[in-house]
């Protein structure tokens, strides 16, 4: 989905999939995040996504020129989920706002699974 923003010198059109891909790459760099998850609606099972499919685990919506992001993540076993989620929100908020120039209204984090990392 593409969003258009009128500027003083023309229109800026951003594909929200680009925002999702960037946000996903920022998220997987965060400590405690194993990766993004795709949830099957039919059986409710979360599947770890590969790096090229990170955007599938993120939903990006734009309302009133502000972004709302939903992350579906898999976390490492033994980490404090609240701390990991807080770190993800802070990193993504800063980097995505710098990247896009749009403010983030809300970031929702859905922990879909836990994995043991070797």
Protein backbone atom coordinates (compact mmCIF):
# COMPACT_ATOMS: atom_id res chain seq x y z
CA UNK A 1 0.00 0.00 0.00
CA UNK A 2 1.28 3.45 -0.87
CA UNK A 3 0.72 6.65 1.05
CA UNK A 4 1.00 10.12 -0.47
CA UNK A 5 2.03 13.27 1.33
CA UNK A 6 1.80 16.72 -0.22
CA UNK A 7 4.93 18.80 0.32
CA UNK A 8 5.72 22.36 -0.68
CA UNK A 9 7.50 21.21 -3.82
CA UNK A 10 5.39 18.21 -4.84
CA UNK A 11 4.11 14.89 -3.59
CA UNK A 12 5.99 12.27 -1.62
CA UNK A 13 4.72 8.73 -2.16
CA UNK A 14 5.96 6.02 0.19
CA UNK A 15 5.20 2.33 -0.15
CA UNK A 16 4.46 1.13 3.38
CA UNK A 17 6.17 -2.18 2.55
CA UNK A 18 9.45 -0.23 2.38
CA UNK A 19 8.80 1.07 5.89
CA UNK A 20 7.93 -2.46 7.07
CA UNK A 21 11.11 -3.93 5.55
CA UNK A 22 13.28 -1.25 7.17
CA UNK A 23 11.52 -1.60 10.53
CA UNK A 24 12.00 -5.38 10.37
CA UNK A 25 15.72 -5.03 9.72
CA UNK A 26 16.00 -2.68 12.71
CA UNK A 27 13.97 -5.06 14.90
CA UNK A 28 16.08 -8.16 14.23
CA UNK A 29 19.19 -6.21 15.29
CA UNK A 30 17.71 -5.76 18.77
CA UNK A 31 18.99 -7.96 21.59
CA UNK A 32 16.62 -10.81 22.39
CA UNK A 33 14.76 -10.78 19.07
CA UNK A 34 15.25 -14.02 17.14
CA UNK A 35 13.21 -12.84 14.18
CA UNK A 36 9.85 -11.85 12.81
CA UNK A 37 6.94 -14.28 12.86
CA UNK A 38 4.23 -15.10 10.36
CA UNK A 39 1.13 -16.39 12.08
CA UNK A 40 -1.09 -18.86 10.28
CA UNK A 41 -4.70 -17.84 10.90
CA UNK A 42 -5.98 -21.35 10.25
CA UNK A 43 -3.94 -23.13 12.93
CA UNK A 44 -2.48 -20.27 15.00
CA UNK A 45 1.12 -21.47 14.60
CA UNK A 46 3.90 -18.89 14.38
CA UNK A 47 6.61 -19.46 11.77
CA UNK A 48 10.02 -17.78 11.86
CA UNK A 49 10.51 -15.66 8.74
CA UNK A 50 13.72 -15.47 6.75
CA UNK A 51 15.49 -12.12 6.30
CA UNK A 52 14.01 -11.55 2.84
CA UNK A 53 10.45 -11.87 4.24
CA UNK A 54 10.75 -9.67 7.35
CA UNK A 55 7.99 -7.32 6.18
CA UNK A 56 5.41 -10.13 6.45
CA UNK A 57 5.74 -10.02 10.24
CA UNK A 58 5.00 -6.29 10.41
CA UNK A 59 1.84 -4.35 9.71
CA UNK A 60 2.26 -0.63 8.95
CA UNK A 61 -0.67 1.78 8.87
CA UNK A 62 -0.59 5.53 8.33
CA UNK A 63 -3.23 7.75 9.95
CA UNK A 64 -3.05 11.53 9.84
CA UNK A 65 0.57 11.38 8.63
CA UNK A 66 1.59 9.28 11.65
CA UNK A 67 2.67 5.65 11.57
CA UNK A 68 1.28 2.73 13.55
CA UNK A 69 3.41 -0.42 13.51
CA UNK A 70 2.47 -3.93 14.66
CA UNK A 71 5.38 -6.34 15.17
CA UNK A 72 4.94 -10.11 15.42
CA UNK A 73 8.19 -11.39 16.90
CA UNK A 74 9.90 -14.47 18.24
CA UNK A 75 12.14 -13.85 21.25
CA UNK A 76 15.12 -15.71 22.67
CA UNK A 77 14.54 -18.14 25.51
CA UNK A 78 15.53 -16.74 28.91
CA UNK A 79 15.32 -13.03 28.14
CA UNK A 80 13.08 -10.54 29.92
CA UNK A 81 10.30 -10.03 27.39
CA UNK A 82 9.30 -6.63 28.75
CA UNK A 83 12.89 -5.34 28.44
CA UNK A 84 13.29 -6.77 24.94
CA UNK A 85 9.99 -5.20 23.81
CA UNK A 86 10.93 -1.84 25.32
CA UNK A 87 14.31 -1.94 23.57
CA UNK A 88 12.63 -2.84 20.27
CA UNK A 89 10.12 0.01 20.58
CA UNK A 90 12.81 2.59 21.41
CA UNK A 91 15.18 1.52 18.61
CA UNK A 92 12.48 1.22 15.97
CA UNK A 93 10.85 4.51 16.92
CA UNK A 94 14.11 6.44 16.66
CA UNK A 95 15.42 4.82 13.47
CA UNK A 96 12.14 4.68 11.53
CA UNK A 97 11.31 8.31 12.37
CA UNK A 98 14.78 9.33 11.17
CA UNK A 99 14.43 7.20 8.02
CA UNK A 100 10.93 8.29 6.99
CA UNK A 101 10.51 11.74 8.53
CA UNK A 102 7.11 10.64 9.88
CA UNK A 103 6.30 10.43 13.57
CA UNK A 104 5.31 7.08 15.01
CA UNK A 105 2.03 7.18 16.88
CA UNK A 106 2.11 3.64 18.26
CA UNK A 107 4.17 0.46 18.17
CA UNK A 108 2.48 -2.78 19.20
CA UNK A 109 4.62 -5.85 19.92
CA UNK A 110 3.06 -9.31 19.73
CA UNK A 111 5.33 -12.07 21.05
CA UNK A 112 4.37 -15.10 18.98
CA UNK A 113 6.96 -17.55 20.21
CA UNK A 114 10.17 -18.32 22.08
CA UNK A 115 13.22 -20.04 20.61
CA UNK A 116 16.39 -21.42 22.16
CA UNK A 117 19.45 -19.97 20.46
CA UNK A 118 22.64 -22.04 20.29
